Amino acid sequence: MIDFDKEFSSFVEGSEGSSIRDIYSIIPSLDQGQIRILSEMEYFAEKYNLQEIKSFMERYLKMISSNKNLSFLSSMNMKSLLKAYTQDELIRGIKVQSQINQAE
């Protein structure tokens, strides 16, 4: 699950990374159905000590983490987050510009 408050506060505090990388990092890789299935698989793998299932899940999660679920971009939460991030970038740019002008 994504903690939007945590992600947004890291945006507002000012990240040293790329804006695109920051936004990409919060796009989920799994949908709710996949999360439920993986949770159930993890439960049974732990209960019955099924190492093959555990290693499969690790490989699957590694593979799926590089394939983001872009249908999430159409949600209103994501649109609101992108708008807020864009406004924060604009304000940050205005602050930097005004500081440069004052220094001159």
C-alpha atoms as a PDB file:
ATOM      1  CA  MET A   1       0.000   0.000   0.000  1.00  0.00           C
ATOM      2  CA  ILE A   2       1.089   3.568  -0.657  1.00  0.00           C
ATOM      3  CA  ASP A   3       1.187   6.103   2.154  1.00  0.00           C
ATOM      4  CA  PHE A   4       0.206   9.254   0.245  1.00  0.00           C
ATOM      5  CA  ASP A   5       0.810  11.526   3.233  1.00  0.00           C
ATOM      6  CA  LYS A   6       4.363  10.240   3.586  1.00  0.00           C
ATOM      7  CA  GLU A   7       5.052  10.513  -0.152  1.00  0.00           C
ATOM      8  CA  PHE A   8       3.586  14.001  -0.399  1.00  0.00           C
ATOM      9  CA  SER A   9       5.500  15.233   2.653  1.00  0.00           C
ATOM     10  CA  SER A  10       8.728  14.009   1.057  1.00  0.00           C
ATOM     11  CA  PHE A  11       7.815  16.027  -2.055  1.00  0.00           C
ATOM     12  CA  VAL A  12       7.124  19.151  -0.031  1.00  0.00           C
ATOM     13  CA  GLU A  13      10.304  18.813   2.020  1.00  0.00           C
ATOM     14  CA  GLY A  14      12.254  18.869  -1.187  1.00  0.00           C
ATOM     15  CA  SER A  15      13.685  15.782  -2.711  1.00  0.00           C
ATOM     16  CA  GLU A  16      17.153  15.795  -4.187  1.00  0.00           C
ATOM     17  CA  GLY A  17      16.127  13.288  -6.836  1.00  0.00           C
ATOM     18  CA  SER A  18      14.499  13.785 -10.186  1.00  0.00           C
ATOM     19  CA  SER A  19      10.838  14.808 -10.227  1.00  0.00           C
ATOM     20  CA  ILE A  20      10.062  12.051 -12.688  1.00  0.00           C
ATOM     21  CA  ARG A  21      11.821   9.446 -10.532  1.00  0.00           C
ATOM     22  CA  ASP A  22       9.914  10.633  -7.444  1.00  0.00           C
ATOM     23  CA  ILE A  23       6.571  10.335  -9.212  1.00  0.00           C
ATOM     24  CA  TYR A  24       7.519   6.976 -10.771  1.00  0.00           C
ATOM     25  CA  SER A  25       8.398   5.576  -7.348  1.00  0.00           C
ATOM     26  CA  ILE A  26       4.847   6.026  -6.037  1.00  0.00           C
ATOM     27  CA  ILE A  27       3.067   4.345  -8.961  1.00  0.00           C
ATOM     28  CA  PRO A  28       2.023   0.883  -7.752  1.00  0.00           C
ATOM     29  CA  SER A  29       3.143  -2.287  -9.484  1.00  0.00           C
ATOM     30  CA  LEU A  30       0.400  -4.545  -8.144  1.00  0.00           C
ATOM     31  CA  ASP A  31      -3.362  -4.228  -8.118  1.00  0.00           C
ATOM     32  CA  GLN A  32      -5.514  -5.198  -5.122  1.00  0.00           C
ATOM     33  CA  GLY A  33      -6.208  -8.700  -6.456  1.00  0.00           C
ATOM     34  CA  GLN A  34      -2.519  -9.462  -6.884  1.00  0.00           C
ATOM     35  CA  ILE A  35      -1.747  -8.143  -3.411  1.00  0.00           C
ATOM     36  CA  ARG A  36      -4.446 -10.373  -1.900  1.00  0.00           C
ATOM     37  CA  ILE A  37      -3.187 -13.465  -3.745  1.00  0.00           C
ATOM     38  CA  LEU A  38       0.436 -12.794  -2.794  1.00  0.00           C
ATOM     39  CA  SER A  39      -0.567 -12.277   0.833  1.00  0.00           C
ATOM     40  CA  GLU A  40      -2.361 -15.624   0.876  1.00  0.00           C
ATOM     41  CA  MET A  41       0.589 -17.327  -0.806  1.00  0.00           C
ATOM     42  CA  GLU A  42       2.934 -15.813   1.756  1.00  0.00           C
ATOM     43  CA  TYR A  43       0.735 -17.059   4.599  1.00  0.00           C
ATOM     44  CA  PHE A  44       0.760 -20.652   3.335  1.00  0.00           C
ATOM     45  CA  ALA A  45       4.464 -20.517   2.449  1.00  0.00           C
ATOM     46  CA  GLU A  46       5.233 -19.470   6.028  1.00  0.00           C
ATOM     47  CA  LYS A  47       2.789 -21.914   7.604  1.00  0.00           C
ATOM     48  CA  TYR A  48       4.063 -24.953   5.696  1.00  0.00           C
ATOM     49  CA  ASN A  49       7.658 -23.743   5.185  1.00  0.00           C
ATOM     50  CA  LEU A  50       7.405 -23.863   1.375  1.00  0.00           C
ATOM     51  CA  GLN A  51      10.750 -22.493   0.189  1.00  0.00           C
ATOM     52  CA  GLU A  52       9.863 -22.956  -3.501  1.00  0.00           C
ATOM     53  CA  ILE A  53       6.835 -20.681  -3.122  1.00  0.00           C
ATOM     54  CA  LYS A  54       8.915 -18.096  -1.237  1.00  0.00           C
ATOM     55  CA  SER A  55      11.588 -18.026  -3.943  1.00  0.00           C
ATOM     56  CA  PHE A  56       8.912 -17.823  -6.662  1.00  0.00           C
ATOM     57  CA  MET A  57       7.319 -14.851  -4.897  1.00  0.00           C
ATOM     58  CA  GLU A  58      10.688 -13.090  -4.586  1.00  0.00           C
ATOM     59  CA  ARG A  59      11.403 -13.559  -8.308  1.00  0.00           C
ATOM     60  CA  TYR A  60       7.868 -12.479  -9.234  1.00  0.00           C
ATOM     61  CA  LEU A  61       8.006  -9.338  -7.087  1.00  0.00           C
ATOM     62  CA  LYS A  62      11.423  -8.436  -8.500  1.00  0.00           C
ATOM     63  CA  MET A  63      10.095  -8.815 -12.043  1.00  0.00           C
ATOM     64  CA  ILE A  64       6.769  -7.037 -11.459  1.00  0.00           C
ATOM     65  CA  SER A  65       8.336  -4.101  -9.599  1.00  0.00           C
ATOM     66  CA  SER A  66       9.829  -2.878 -12.874  1.00  0.00           C
ATOM     67  CA  ASN A  67       6.404  -2.985 -14.579  1.00  0.00           C
ATOM     68  CA  LYS A  68       4.233  -0.235 -13.159  1.00  0.00           C
ATOM     69  CA  ASN A  69       0.430  -0.347 -13.278  1.00  0.00           C
ATOM     70  CA  LEU A  70      -0.208   2.786 -15.342  1.00  0.00           C
ATOM     71  CA  SER A  71      -3.996   2.502 -15.074  1.00  0.00           C
ATOM     72  CA  PHE A  72      -3.467   4.036 -11.625  1.00  0.00           C
ATOM     73  CA  LEU A  73      -2.587   7.351 -13.321  1.00  0.00           C
ATOM     74  CA  SER A  74      -6.238   7.886 -14.221  1.00  0.00           C
ATOM     75  CA  SER A  75      -7.344   7.928 -10.575  1.00  0.00           C
ATOM     76  CA  MET A  76      -8.333  11.211  -8.961  1.00  0.00           C
ATOM     77  CA  ASN A  77      -5.878  10.695  -6.099  1.00  0.00           C
ATOM     78  CA  MET A  78      -2.970  10.488  -8.513  1.00  0.00           C
ATOM     79  CA  LYS A  79      -4.185  13.491 -10.495  1.00  0.00           C
ATOM     80  CA  SER A  80      -4.486  15.522  -7.292  1.00  0.00           C
ATOM     81  CA  LEU A  81      -1.031  14.434  -6.188  1.00  0.00           C
ATOM     82  CA  LEU A  82       0.480  15.405  -9.535  1.00  0.00           C
ATOM     83  CA  LYS A  83      -1.253  18.815  -9.424  1.00  0.00           C
ATOM     84  CA  ALA A  84       0.020  19.465  -5.906  1.00  0.00           C
ATOM     85  CA  TYR A  85       3.529  18.376  -6.848  1.00  0.00           C
ATOM     86  CA  THR A  86       3.502  20.597  -9.925  1.00  0.00           C
ATOM     87  CA  GLN A  87       2.338  23.588  -7.871  1.00  0.00           C
ATOM     88  CA  ASP A  88       5.059  22.911  -5.290  1.00  0.00           C
ATOM     89  CA  GLU A  89       7.680  22.795  -8.064  1.00  0.00           C
ATOM     90  CA  LEU A  90       6.347  26.073  -9.458  1.00  0.00           C
ATOM     91  CA  ILE A  91       6.488  27.769  -6.047  1.00  0.00           C
ATOM     92  CA  ARG A  92       9.974  26.392  -5.423  1.00  0.00           C
ATOM     93  CA  GLY A  93      11.073  27.776  -8.808  1.00  0.00           C
ATOM     94  CA  ILE A  94       9.605  31.185  -7.978  1.00  0.00           C
ATOM     95  CA  LYS A  95      11.450  31.229  -4.633  1.00  0.00           C
ATOM     96  CA  VAL A  96      14.765  30.378  -6.308  1.00  0.00           C
ATOM     97  CA  GLN A  97      14.223  33.007  -8.995  1.00  0.00           C
ATOM     98  CA  SER A  98      13.384  35.709  -6.433  1.00  0.00           C
ATOM     99  CA  GLN A  99      16.465  34.795  -4.388  1.00  0.00           C
ATOM    100  CA  ILE A 100      18.641  35.108  -7.490  1.00  0.00           C
ATOM    101  CA  ASN A 101      17.101  38.495  -8.313  1.00  0.00           C
ATOM    102  CA  GLN A 102      17.651  39.736  -4.740  1.00  0.00           C
ATOM    103  CA  ALA A 103      21.285  38.611  -4.803  1.00  0.00           C
ATOM    104  CA  GLU A 104      21.950  40.670  -7.908  1.00  0.00           C
END
